[in-house]
Amino acid sequence: MTDVGIQCGVPRIDPTENETRLVSLIATFLHVHPFGASIDYICSYLNKIDSTVNTRDVESLMHRFNSIFKEVSTGIGATLEKKWIYVGFNS
């Protein structure tokens, strides 16, 4: 017997059709940017496809799907840079 909200040890997330579309587009974009991309760069790409997309919602979505996307920081101080990478193929 399994918990209603968990299947195979993975928390269940029920994305909307629009969220599924955005996750697919972001994953495709980051797949061709293996060293990561900033949230602004990702949103710039998405805005060419859907002008209603905003940075806050995209970043929130990527945090929700942390088994697919990971935020990494590089540098220190004034050179600190945050990027998102695709980790969907990692085990």
PDB file of N, CA and C in Angstrom:
ATOM      1  N   MET A   1       0.845  -1.170   0.000  1.00  0.00           N
ATOM      2  CA  MET A   1       0.000   0.000   0.000  1.00  0.00           C
ATOM      3  C   MET A   1       0.896   1.241   0.000  1.00  0.00           C
ATOM      4  N   THR A   2       0.553   2.202  -0.825  1.00  0.00           N
ATOM      5  CA  THR A   2       1.344   3.430  -0.901  1.00  0.00           C
ATOM      6  C   THR A   2       0.548   4.607  -0.383  1.00  0.00           C
ATOM      7  N   ASP A   3       1.274   5.620   0.019  1.00  0.00           N
ATOM      8  CA  ASP A   3       0.650   6.873   0.452  1.00  0.00           C
ATOM      9  C   ASP A   3      -0.035   7.506  -0.759  1.00  0.00           C
ATOM     10  N   VAL A   4      -1.176   8.118  -0.579  1.00  0.00           N
ATOM     11  CA  VAL A   4      -1.954   8.706  -1.671  1.00  0.00           C
ATOM     12  C   VAL A   4      -1.133   9.721  -2.467  1.00  0.00           C
ATOM     13  N   GLY A   5      -0.335  10.559  -1.786  1.00  0.00           N
ATOM     14  CA  GLY A   5       0.418  11.615  -2.460  1.00  0.00           C
ATOM     15  C   GLY A   5       1.786  11.196  -2.956  1.00  0.00           C
ATOM     16  N   ILE A   6       2.176   9.931  -2.733  1.00  0.00           N
ATOM     17  CA  ILE A   6       3.516   9.505  -3.124  1.00  0.00           C
ATOM     18  C   ILE A   6       3.426   8.206  -3.906  1.00  0.00           C
ATOM     19  N   GLN A   7       4.117   8.161  -5.036  1.00  0.00           N
ATOM     20  CA  GLN A   7       4.205   6.949  -5.827  1.00  0.00           C
ATOM     21  C   GLN A   7       5.676   6.679  -6.078  1.00  0.00           C
ATOM     22  N   CYS A   8       6.119   5.470  -5.773  1.00  0.00           N
ATOM     23  CA  CYS A   8       7.517   5.068  -5.979  1.00  0.00           C
ATOM     24  C   CYS A   8       8.482   6.004  -5.245  1.00  0.00           C
ATOM     25  N   GLY A   9       8.098   6.535  -4.113  1.00  0.00           N
ATOM     26  CA  GLY A   9       8.973   7.387  -3.324  1.00  0.00           C
ATOM     27  C   GLY A   9       9.130   8.803  -3.836  1.00  0.00           C
ATOM     28  N   VAL A  10       8.407   9.162  -4.878  1.00  0.00           N
ATOM     29  CA  VAL A  10       8.491  10.496  -5.459  1.00  0.00           C
ATOM     30  C   VAL A  10       7.222  11.266  -5.120  1.00  0.00           C
ATOM     31  N   PRO A  11       7.352  12.466  -4.523  1.00  0.00           N
ATOM     32  CA  PRO A  11       6.152  13.258  -4.239  1.00  0.00           C
ATOM     33  C   PRO A  11       5.371  13.537  -5.522  1.00  0.00           C
ATOM     34  N   ARG A  12       4.082  13.481  -5.438  1.00  0.00           N
ATOM     35  CA  ARG A  12       3.237  13.667  -6.616  1.00  0.00           C
ATOM     36  C   ARG A  12       2.992  15.146  -6.858  1.00  0.00           C
ATOM     37  N   ILE A  13       3.228  15.573  -8.092  1.00  0.00           N
ATOM     38  CA  ILE A  13       2.975  16.947  -8.516  1.00  0.00           C
ATOM     39  C   ILE A  13       2.002  16.862  -9.688  1.00  0.00           C
ATOM     40  N   ASP A  14       0.900  17.574  -9.595  1.00  0.00           N
ATOM     41  CA  ASP A  14      -0.079  17.572 -10.675  1.00  0.00           C
ATOM     42  C   ASP A  14      -0.031  18.905 -11.412  1.00  0.00           C
ATOM     43  N   PRO A  15       0.850  18.999 -12.421  1.00  0.00           N
ATOM     44  CA  PRO A  15       0.972  20.272 -13.137  1.00  0.00           C
ATOM     45  C   PRO A  15      -0.210  20.520 -14.072  1.00  0.00           C
ATOM     46  N   THR A  16      -0.469  21.792 -14.305  1.00  0.00           N
ATOM     47  CA  THR A  16      -1.484  22.167 -15.287  1.00  0.00           C
ATOM     48  C   THR A  16      -0.898  21.953 -16.681  1.00  0.00           C
ATOM     49  N   GLU A  17      -1.734  22.081 -17.676  1.00  0.00           N
ATOM     50  CA  GLU A  17      -1.261  21.937 -19.056  1.00  0.00           C
ATOM     51  C   GLU A  17      -0.233  23.017 -19.380  1.00  0.00           C
ATOM     52  N   ASN A  18      -0.469  24.232 -18.921  1.00  0.00           N
ATOM     53  CA  ASN A  18       0.469  25.332 -19.178  1.00  0.00           C
ATOM     54  C   ASN A  18       1.807  25.092 -18.469  1.00  0.00           C
ATOM     55  N   GLU A  19       1.768  24.600 -17.222  1.00  0.00           N
ATOM     56  CA  GLU A  19       3.000  24.302 -16.497  1.00  0.00           C
ATOM     57  C   GLU A  19       3.795  23.196 -17.191  1.00  0.00           C
ATOM     58  N   THR A  20       3.091  22.184 -17.677  1.00  0.00           N
ATOM     59  CA  THR A  20       3.744  21.099 -18.404  1.00  0.00           C
ATOM     60  C   THR A  20       4.429  21.637 -19.657  1.00  0.00           C
ATOM     61  N   ARG A  21       3.747  22.514 -20.350  1.00  0.00           N
ATOM     62  CA  ARG A  21       4.311  23.144 -21.551  1.00  0.00           C
ATOM     63  C   ARG A  21       5.565  23.945 -21.208  1.00  0.00           C
ATOM     64  N   LEU A  22       5.499  24.751 -20.150  1.00  0.00           N
ATOM     65  CA  LEU A  22       6.651  25.558 -19.742  1.00  0.00           C
ATOM     66  C   LEU A  22       7.821  24.691 -19.298  1.00  0.00           C
ATOM     67  N   VAL A  23       7.555  23.641 -18.517  1.00  0.00           N
ATOM     68  CA  VAL A  23       8.627  22.742 -18.081  1.00  0.00           C
ATOM     69  C   VAL A  23       9.308  22.117 -19.291  1.00  0.00           C
ATOM     70  N   SER A  24       8.530  21.711 -20.274  1.00  0.00           N
ATOM     71  CA  SER A  24       9.096  21.122 -21.493  1.00  0.00           C
ATOM     72  C   SER A  24       9.961  22.121 -22.250  1.00  0.00           C
ATOM     73  N   LEU A  25       9.479  23.345 -22.388  1.00  0.00           N
ATOM     74  CA  LEU A  25      10.244  24.374 -23.095  1.00  0.00           C
ATOM     75  C   LEU A  25      11.532  24.728 -22.356  1.00  0.00           C
ATOM     76  N   ILE A  26      11.446  24.849 -21.037  1.00  0.00           N
ATOM     77  CA  ILE A  26      12.631  25.181 -20.242  1.00  0.00           C
ATOM     78  C   ILE A  26      13.646  24.039 -20.303  1.00  0.00           C
ATOM     79  N   ALA A  27      13.173  22.805 -20.181  1.00  0.00           N
ATOM     80  CA  ALA A  27      14.071  21.650 -20.241  1.00  0.00           C
ATOM     81  C   ALA A  27      14.785  21.582 -21.588  1.00  0.00           C
ATOM     82  N   THR A  28      14.053  21.838 -22.662  1.00  0.00           N
ATOM     83  CA  THR A  28      14.654  21.841 -23.996  1.00  0.00           C
ATOM     84  C   THR A  28      15.701  22.942 -24.109  1.00  0.00           C
ATOM     85  N   PHE A  29      15.379  24.126 -23.624  1.00  0.00           N
ATOM     86  CA  PHE A  29      16.309  25.257 -23.664  1.00  0.00           C
ATOM     87  C   PHE A  29      17.574  24.949 -22.870  1.00  0.00           C
ATOM     88  N   LEU A  30      17.412  24.448 -21.644  1.00  0.00           N
ATOM     89  CA  LEU A  30      18.580  24.175 -20.802  1.00  0.00           C
ATOM     90  C   LEU A  30      19.383  22.970 -21.289  1.00  0.00           C
ATOM     91  N   HIS A  31      18.748  22.059 -21.986  1.00  0.00           N
ATOM     92  CA  HIS A  31      19.469  20.902 -22.534  1.00  0.00           C
ATOM     93  C   HIS A  31      20.549  21.354 -23.515  1.00  0.00           C
ATOM     94  N   VAL A  32      20.288  22.421 -24.257  1.00  0.00           N
ATOM     95  CA  VAL A  32      21.289  22.932 -25.209  1.00  0.00           C
ATOM     96  C   VAL A  32      22.185  23.990 -24.576  1.00  0.00           C
ATOM     97  N   HIS A  33      22.006  24.227 -23.278  1.00  0.00           N
ATOM     98  CA  HIS A  33      22.877  25.125 -22.508  1.00  0.00           C
ATOM     99  C   HIS A  33      23.402  24.324 -21.304  1.00  0.00           C
ATOM    100  N   PRO A  34      24.299  23.363 -21.544  1.00  0.00           N
ATOM    101  CA  PRO A  34      24.718  22.442 -20.482  1.00  0.00           C
ATOM    102  C   PRO A  34      25.428  23.105 -19.298  1.00  0.00           C
ATOM    103  N   PHE A  35      25.913  24.322 -19.464  1.00  0.00           N
ATOM    104  CA  PHE A  35      26.586  25.011 -18.363  1.00  0.00           C
ATOM    105  C   PHE A  35      25.634  25.950 -17.627  1.00  0.00           C
ATOM    106  N   GLY A  36      24.361  25.902 -17.982  1.00  0.00           N
ATOM    107  CA  GLY A  36      23.340  26.665 -17.298  1.00  0.00           C
ATOM    108  C   GLY A  36      23.013  27.987 -17.967  1.00  0.00           C
ATOM    109  N   ALA A  37      21.954  28.592 -17.472  1.00  0.00           N
ATOM    110  CA  ALA A  37      21.498  29.882 -17.983  1.00  0.00           C
ATOM    111  C   ALA A  37      20.826  30.645 -16.850  1.00  0.00           C
ATOM    112  N   SER A  38      20.923  31.953 -16.911  1.00  0.00           N
ATOM    113  CA  SER A  38      20.281  32.798 -15.891  1.00  0.00           C
ATOM    114  C   SER A  38      18.771  32.784 -16.083  1.00  0.00           C
ATOM    115  N   ILE A  39      18.058  33.120 -15.040  1.00  0.00           N
ATOM    116  CA  ILE A  39      16.599  33.184 -15.117  1.00  0.00           C
ATOM    117  C   ILE A  39      16.164  34.229 -16.144  1.00  0.00           C
ATOM    118  N   ASP A  40      16.919  35.308 -16.261  1.00  0.00           N
ATOM    119  CA  ASP A  40      16.579  36.348 -17.246  1.00  0.00           C
ATOM    120  C   ASP A  40      16.717  35.819 -18.671  1.00  0.00           C
ATOM    121  N   TYR A  41      17.759  35.035 -18.916  1.00  0.00           N
ATOM    122  CA  TYR A  41      17.984  34.457 -20.246  1.00  0.00           C
ATOM    123  C   TYR A  41      16.870  33.457 -20.570  1.00  0.00           C
ATOM    124  N   ILE A  42      16.507  32.634 -19.596  1.00  0.00           N
ATOM    125  CA  ILE A  42      15.435  31.657 -19.795  1.00  0.00           C
ATOM    126  C   ILE A  42      14.119  32.370 -20.094  1.00  0.00           C
ATOM    127  N   CYS A  43      13.808  33.400 -19.313  1.00  0.00           N
ATOM    128  CA  CYS A  43      12.554  34.131 -19.513  1.00  0.00           C
ATOM    129  C   CYS A  43      12.541  34.901 -20.827  1.00  0.00           C
ATOM    130  N   SER A  44      13.684  35.389 -21.248  1.00  0.00           N
ATOM    131  CA  SER A  44      13.775  36.064 -22.545  1.00  0.00           C
ATOM    132  C   SER A  44      13.380  35.099 -23.667  1.00  0.00           C
ATOM    133  N   TYR A  45      13.863  33.879 -23.578  1.00  0.00           N
ATOM    134  CA  TYR A  45      13.509  32.842 -24.554  1.00  0.00           C
ATOM    135  C   TYR A  45      12.009  32.534 -24.496  1.00  0.00           C
ATOM    136  N   LEU A  46      11.490  32.331 -23.280  1.00  0.00           N
ATOM    137  CA  LEU A  46      10.076  31.987 -23.130  1.00  0.00           C
ATOM    138  C   LEU A  46       9.160  33.113 -23.592  1.00  0.00           C
ATOM    139  N   ASN A  47       9.564  34.358 -23.380  1.00  0.00           N
ATOM    140  CA  ASN A  47       8.746  35.501 -23.793  1.00  0.00           C
ATOM    141  C   ASN A  47       8.604  35.599 -25.304  1.00  0.00           C
ATOM    142  N   LYS A  48       9.527  35.029 -26.041  1.00  0.00           N
ATOM    143  CA  LYS A  48       9.400  34.997 -27.508  1.00  0.00           C
ATOM    144  C   LYS A  48       8.312  34.030 -27.939  1.00  0.00           C
ATOM    145  N   ILE A  49       8.011  33.063 -27.068  1.00  0.00           N
ATOM    146  CA  ILE A  49       6.988  32.068 -27.359  1.00  0.00           C
ATOM    147  C   ILE A  49       5.651  32.469 -26.745  1.00  0.00           C
ATOM    148  N   ASP A  50       5.718  33.008 -25.524  1.00  0.00           N
ATOM    149  CA  ASP A  50       4.505  33.390 -24.789  1.00  0.00           C
ATOM    150  C   ASP A  50       4.795  34.675 -24.019  1.00  0.00           C
ATOM    151  N   SER A  51       4.241  35.768 -24.469  1.00  0.00           N
ATOM    152  CA  SER A  51       4.541  37.076 -23.874  1.00  0.00           C
ATOM    153  C   SER A  51       3.940  37.265 -22.475  1.00  0.00           C
ATOM    154  N   THR A  52       3.099  36.337 -22.026  1.00  0.00           N
ATOM    155  CA  THR A  52       2.488  36.469 -20.703  1.00  0.00           C
ATOM    156  C   THR A  52       3.345  35.866 -19.590  1.00  0.00           C
ATOM    157  N   VAL A  53       4.436  35.222 -19.946  1.00  0.00           N
ATOM    158  CA  VAL A  53       5.314  34.578 -18.960  1.00  0.00           C
ATOM    159  C   VAL A  53       6.048  35.642 -18.151  1.00  0.00           C
ATOM    160  N   ASN A  54       6.114  35.439 -16.810  1.00  0.00           N
ATOM    161  CA  ASN A  54       6.881  36.380 -15.998  1.00  0.00           C
ATOM    162  C   ASN A  54       7.934  35.628 -15.177  1.00  0.00           C
ATOM    163  N   THR A  55       8.980  36.325 -14.820  1.00  0.00           N
ATOM    164  CA  THR A  55      10.142  35.741 -14.154  1.00  0.00           C
ATOM    165  C   THR A  55       9.782  35.058 -12.845  1.00  0.00           C
ATOM    166  N   ARG A  56       8.975  35.705 -12.040  1.00  0.00           N
ATOM    167  CA  ARG A  56       8.619  35.153 -10.727  1.00  0.00           C
ATOM    168  C   ARG A  56       7.939  33.791 -10.859  1.00  0.00           C
ATOM    169  N   ASP A  57       6.982  33.675 -11.789  1.00  0.00           N
ATOM    170  CA  ASP A  57       6.260  32.417 -11.973  1.00  0.00           C
ATOM    171  C   ASP A  57       7.166  31.327 -12.524  1.00  0.00           C
ATOM    172  N   VAL A  58       8.053  31.688 -13.443  1.00  0.00           N
ATOM    173  CA  VAL A  58       8.971  30.707 -14.028  1.00  0.00           C
ATOM    174  C   VAL A  58       9.924  30.183 -12.956  1.00  0.00           C
ATOM    175  N   GLU A  59      10.475  31.087 -12.159  1.00  0.00           N
ATOM    176  CA  GLU A  59      11.404  30.678 -11.109  1.00  0.00           C
ATOM    177  C   GLU A  59      10.699  29.794 -10.070  1.00  0.00           C
ATOM    178  N   SER A  60       9.483  30.144  -9.714  1.00  0.00           N
ATOM    179  CA  SER A  60       8.701  29.337  -8.778  1.00  0.00           C
ATOM    180  C   SER A  60       8.446  27.942  -9.350  1.00  0.00           C
ATOM    181  N   LEU A  61       8.117  27.879 -10.611  1.00  0.00           N
ATOM    182  CA  LEU A  61       7.877  26.609 -11.280  1.00  0.00           C
ATOM    183  C   LEU A  61       9.133  25.746 -11.271  1.00  0.00           C
ATOM    184  N   MET A  62      10.274  26.354 -11.544  1.00  0.00           N
ATOM    185  CA  MET A  62      11.529  25.603 -11.582  1.00  0.00           C
ATOM    186  C   MET A  62      11.903  25.092 -10.187  1.00  0.00           C
ATOM    187  N   HIS A  63      11.604  25.848  -9.161  1.00  0.00           N
ATOM    188  CA  HIS A  63      11.844  25.379  -7.792  1.00  0.00           C
ATOM    189  C   HIS A  63      10.946  24.190  -7.474  1.00  0.00           C
ATOM    190  N   ARG A  64       9.710  24.214  -7.942  1.00  0.00           N
ATOM    191  CA  ARG A  64       8.775  23.099  -7.712  1.00  0.00           C
ATOM    192  C   ARG A  64       9.256  21.811  -8.350  1.00  0.00           C
ATOM    193  N   PHE A  65       9.884  21.930  -9.521  1.00  0.00           N
ATOM    194  CA  PHE A  65      10.357  20.759 -10.251  1.00  0.00           C
ATOM    195  C   PHE A  65      11.860  20.581 -10.045  1.00  0.00           C
ATOM    196  N   ASN A  66      12.246  20.433  -8.764  1.00  0.00           N
ATOM    197  CA  ASN A  66      13.666  20.364  -8.425  1.00  0.00           C
ATOM    198  C   ASN A  66      14.328  19.044  -8.795  1.00  0.00           C
ATOM    199  N   SER A  67      13.577  18.089  -9.289  1.00  0.00           N
ATOM    200  CA  SER A  67      14.193  16.865  -9.811  1.00  0.00           C
ATOM    201  C   SER A  67      14.548  17.042 -11.292  1.00  0.00           C
ATOM    202  N   ILE A  68      14.130  18.161 -11.879  1.00  0.00           N
ATOM    203  CA  ILE A  68      14.422  18.456 -13.283  1.00  0.00           C
ATOM    204  C   ILE A  68      15.372  19.634 -13.407  1.00  0.00           C
ATOM    205  N   PHE A  69      15.217  20.633 -12.539  1.00  0.00           N
ATOM    206  CA  PHE A  69      16.025  21.857 -12.602  1.00  0.00           C
ATOM    207  C   PHE A  69      16.741  22.097 -11.281  1.00  0.00           C
ATOM    208  N   LYS A  70      17.937  22.651 -11.379  1.00  0.00           N
ATOM    209  CA  LYS A  70      18.703  22.973 -10.175  1.00  0.00           C
ATOM    210  C   LYS A  70      19.336  24.347 -10.353  1.00  0.00           C
ATOM    211  N   GLU A  71      19.232  25.156  -9.300  1.00  0.00           N
ATOM    212  CA  GLU A  71      19.858  26.474  -9.314  1.00  0.00           C
ATOM    213  C   GLU A  71      21.253  26.346  -8.701  1.00  0.00           C
ATOM    214  N   VAL A  72      22.253  26.838  -9.419  1.00  0.00           N
ATOM    215  CA  VAL A  72      23.629  26.789  -8.930  1.00  0.00           C
ATOM    216  C   VAL A  72      24.206  28.199  -8.901  1.00  0.00           C
ATOM    217  N   SER A  73      25.081  28.435  -7.942  1.00  0.00           N
ATOM    218  CA  SER A  73      25.748  29.732  -7.823  1.00  0.00           C
ATOM    219  C   SER A  73      27.227  29.549  -8.058  1.00  0.00           C
ATOM    220  N   THR A  74      27.821  30.482  -8.798  1.00  0.00           N
ATOM    221  CA  THR A  74      29.259  30.468  -9.036  1.00  0.00           C
ATOM    222  C   THR A  74      29.820  31.838  -8.723  1.00  0.00           C
ATOM    223  N   GLY A  75      31.103  31.877  -8.403  1.00  0.00           N
ATOM    224  CA  GLY A  75      31.751  33.138  -8.097  1.00  0.00           C
ATOM    225  C   GLY A  75      31.520  33.552  -6.664  1.00  0.00           C
ATOM    226  N   ILE A  76      32.079  34.714  -6.312  1.00  0.00           N
ATOM    227  CA  ILE A  76      31.909  35.257  -4.966  1.00  0.00           C
ATOM    228  C   ILE A  76      31.732  36.769  -5.048  1.00  0.00           C
ATOM    229  N   GLY A  77      31.104  37.305  -4.037  1.00  0.00           N
ATOM    230  CA  GLY A  77      30.952  38.759  -3.957  1.00  0.00           C
ATOM    231  C   GLY A  77      30.281  39.361  -5.169  1.00  0.00           C
ATOM    232  N   ALA A  78      30.954  40.344  -5.757  1.00  0.00           N
ATOM    233  CA  ALA A  78      30.392  41.076  -6.897  1.00  0.00           C
ATOM    234  C   ALA A  78      30.274  40.204  -8.146  1.00  0.00           C
ATOM    235  N   THR A  79      30.996  39.098  -8.187  1.00  0.00           N
ATOM    236  CA  THR A  79      30.957  38.230  -9.370  1.00  0.00           C
ATOM    237  C   THR A  79      30.024  37.033  -9.187  1.00  0.00           C
ATOM    238  N   LEU A  80      29.234  37.044  -8.101  1.00  0.00           N
ATOM    239  CA  LEU A  80      28.293  35.958  -7.850  1.00  0.00           C
ATOM    240  C   LEU A  80      27.282  35.879  -8.987  1.00  0.00           C
ATOM    241  N   GLU A  81      27.130  34.687  -9.517  1.00  0.00           N
ATOM    242  CA  GLU A  81      26.210  34.481 -10.633  1.00  0.00           C
ATOM    243  C   GLU A  81      25.355  33.254 -10.348  1.00  0.00           C
ATOM    244  N   LYS A  82      24.042  33.404 -10.492  1.00  0.00           N
ATOM    245  CA  LYS A  82      23.119  32.284 -10.304  1.00  0.00           C
ATOM    246  C   LYS A  82      22.644  31.819 -11.672  1.00  0.00           C
ATOM    247  N   LYS A  83      22.708  30.509 -11.863  1.00  0.00           N
ATOM    248  CA  LYS A  83      22.253  29.909 -13.111  1.00  0.00           C
ATOM    249  C   LYS A  83      21.386  28.699 -12.795  1.00  0.00           C
ATOM    250  N   TRP A  84      20.560  28.356 -13.747  1.00  0.00           N
ATOM    251  CA  TRP A  84      19.742  27.151 -13.663  1.00  0.00           C
ATOM    252  C   TRP A  84      20.326  26.130 -14.616  1.00  0.00           C
ATOM    253  N   ILE A  85      20.368  24.878 -14.171  1.00  0.00           N
ATOM    254  CA  ILE A  85      20.825  23.796 -15.034  1.00  0.00           C
ATOM    255  C   ILE A  85      19.757  22.710 -15.089  1.00  0.00           C
ATOM    256  N   TYR A  86      19.817  21.913 -16.129  1.00  0.00           N
ATOM    257  CA  TYR A  86      18.904  20.791 -16.314  1.00  0.00           C
ATOM    258  C   TYR A  86      19.541  19.567 -15.673  1.00  0.00           C
ATOM    259  N   VAL A  87      18.838  18.931 -14.747  1.00  0.00           N
ATOM    260  CA  VAL A  87      19.360  17.744 -14.074  1.00  0.00           C
ATOM    261  C   VAL A  87      18.420  16.554 -14.242  1.00  0.00           C
ATOM    262  N   GLY A  88      17.572  16.591 -15.229  1.00  0.00           N
ATOM    263  CA  GLY A  88      16.582  15.539 -15.444  1.00  0.00           C
ATOM    264  C   GLY A  88      17.165  14.183 -15.758  1.00  0.00           C
ATOM    265  N   PHE A  89      18.384  14.133 -16.282  1.00  0.00           N
ATOM    266  CA  PHE A  89      19.021  12.847 -16.601  1.00  0.00           C
ATOM    267  C   PHE A  89      19.878  12.341 -15.463  1.00  0.00           C
ATOM    268  N   ASN A  90      20.099  13.146 -14.434  1.00  0.00           N
ATOM    269  CA  ASN A  90      20.897  12.709 -13.287  1.00  0.00           C
ATOM    270  C   ASN A  90      20.095  11.731 -12.449  1.00  0.00           C
ATOM    271  N   SER A  91      20.788  10.788 -11.852  1.00  0.00           N
ATOM    272  CA  SER A  91      20.072   9.822 -11.015  1.00  0.00           C
ATOM    273  C   SER A  91      20.190  10.176  -9.556  1.00  0.00           C
TER     274      SER A  91
END
